[in-house]
């Protein structure tokens, strides 16, 4: 999996591409850690538009991010969810836990 991070108007955007699975743990964590610590960021957007696969480990990583962001008084937004990724998020009932745009 590849990540691309940008910050615009207090929103950190982390665009993911490829397979979001257990093997992406370190890559994903290193992409968001600095954003959680940053005083200039109030929201973290995870752009899933180019993610081709998502497994239960990825769902766990998103939940971990949500918990850490909440502790830092930041929100997490999932964007560009479609196809199989949207189906998995729907089955996992993530719309009750995250803002999904």
Protein backbone atom coordinates (compact mmCIF):
# COMPACT_ATOMS: atom_id res chain seq x y z
CA UNK A 1 0.00 0.00 0.00
CA UNK A 2 1.12 3.54 -0.69
CA UNK A 3 0.19 6.70 1.19
CA UNK A 4 0.24 10.37 0.30
CA UNK A 5 -0.23 12.97 3.05
CA UNK A 6 -1.22 16.60 2.62
CA UNK A 7 -2.60 19.23 5.00
CA UNK A 8 -5.04 21.93 3.89
CA UNK A 9 -7.04 24.18 6.25
CA UNK A 10 -6.46 22.10 9.41
CA UNK A 11 -7.46 18.88 7.61
CA UNK A 12 -4.83 16.21 7.04
CA UNK A 13 -5.66 14.14 3.98
CA UNK A 14 -4.11 10.69 3.80
CA UNK A 15 -4.71 9.15 0.39
CA UNK A 16 -4.24 5.38 0.33
CA UNK A 17 -3.75 3.19 -2.72
CA UNK A 18 -3.38 -0.53 -3.23
CA UNK A 19 -4.20 -3.26 -0.74
CA UNK A 20 -5.06 -2.05 2.75
CA UNK A 21 -4.36 -5.12 4.86
CA UNK A 22 -2.23 -6.33 7.76
CA UNK A 23 0.98 -5.78 5.80
CA UNK A 24 0.17 -2.05 5.58
CA UNK A 25 0.20 -1.56 9.37
CA UNK A 26 3.54 0.27 9.62
CA UNK A 27 2.95 2.36 6.52
CA UNK A 28 -0.50 3.45 7.70
CA UNK A 29 0.63 4.20 11.24
CA UNK A 30 3.58 6.30 10.08
CA UNK A 31 1.23 8.27 7.79
CA UNK A 32 -1.12 9.32 10.60
CA UNK A 33 1.11 9.53 13.71
CA UNK A 34 2.46 12.97 12.92
CA UNK A 35 -1.01 14.24 12.09
CA UNK A 36 -2.36 13.17 15.47
CA UNK A 37 0.45 15.03 17.23
CA UNK A 38 0.14 18.17 15.09
CA UNK A 39 -1.56 21.19 16.64
CA UNK A 40 -2.30 22.45 13.13
CA UNK A 41 -4.61 19.50 12.32
CA UNK A 42 -8.17 19.18 13.65
CA UNK A 43 -9.43 16.45 11.30
CA UNK A 44 -7.89 13.49 9.53
CA UNK A 45 -9.37 12.44 6.21
CA UNK A 46 -8.65 8.93 4.99
CA UNK A 47 -9.16 8.85 1.22
CA UNK A 48 -9.99 5.26 0.23
CA UNK A 49 -10.69 6.03 -3.43
CA UNK A 50 -7.71 4.04 -4.74
CA UNK A 51 -7.90 1.17 -2.26
CA UNK A 52 -8.59 -2.07 -4.10
CA UNK A 53 -8.86 -4.36 -1.08
CA UNK A 54 -9.61 -3.95 2.63
CA UNK A 55 -9.49 -6.70 5.27
CA UNK A 56 -10.39 -7.03 8.94
CA UNK A 57 -6.89 -5.89 9.97
CA UNK A 58 -7.47 -2.65 8.04
CA UNK A 59 -10.78 -2.17 9.85
CA UNK A 60 -8.92 -2.61 13.13
CA UNK A 61 -6.31 -0.04 12.07
CA UNK A 62 -9.08 2.45 11.26
CA UNK A 63 -10.63 1.86 14.70
CA UNK A 64 -7.25 2.35 16.36
CA UNK A 65 -6.78 5.59 14.44
CA UNK A 66 -10.26 6.71 15.52
CA UNK A 67 -9.46 6.05 19.19
CA UNK A 68 -6.12 7.86 19.05
CA UNK A 69 -7.61 10.79 17.14
CA UNK A 70 -10.48 11.06 19.60
CA UNK A 71 -8.01 11.18 22.50
CA UNK A 72 -6.28 14.07 20.69
CA UNK A 73 -9.64 15.81 20.08
CA UNK A 74 -9.52 15.22 16.32
CA UNK A 75 -12.12 13.75 14.00
CA UNK A 76 -11.62 11.05 11.38
CA UNK A 77 -13.45 11.18 8.06
CA UNK A 78 -13.48 8.37 5.48
CA UNK A 79 -13.86 9.59 1.90
CA UNK A 80 -14.25 8.22 -1.62
CA UNK A 81 -15.52 4.84 -0.41
CA UNK A 82 -16.91 2.79 -3.27
CA UNK A 83 -17.29 -0.74 -4.57
CA UNK A 84 -15.95 -3.54 -2.41
CA UNK A 85 -14.51 -1.05 0.12
CA UNK A 86 -17.96 0.52 0.63
CA UNK A 87 -19.56 -2.92 1.00
CA UNK A 88 -17.06 -3.97 3.67
CA UNK A 89 -17.56 -0.70 5.59
CA UNK A 90 -21.34 -1.18 5.37
CA UNK A 91 -21.14 -4.77 6.64
CA UNK A 92 -18.91 -3.63 9.52
CA UNK A 93 -21.42 -0.84 10.33
CA UNK A 94 -18.69 1.80 10.15
CA UNK A 95 -21.22 4.48 9.23
CA UNK A 96 -22.17 4.47 12.92
CA UNK A 97 -18.55 5.04 13.98
CA UNK A 98 -17.16 7.36 11.30
CA UNK A 99 -18.24 10.23 9.12
CA UNK A 100 -18.23 8.71 5.63
CA UNK A 101 -18.34 11.08 2.67
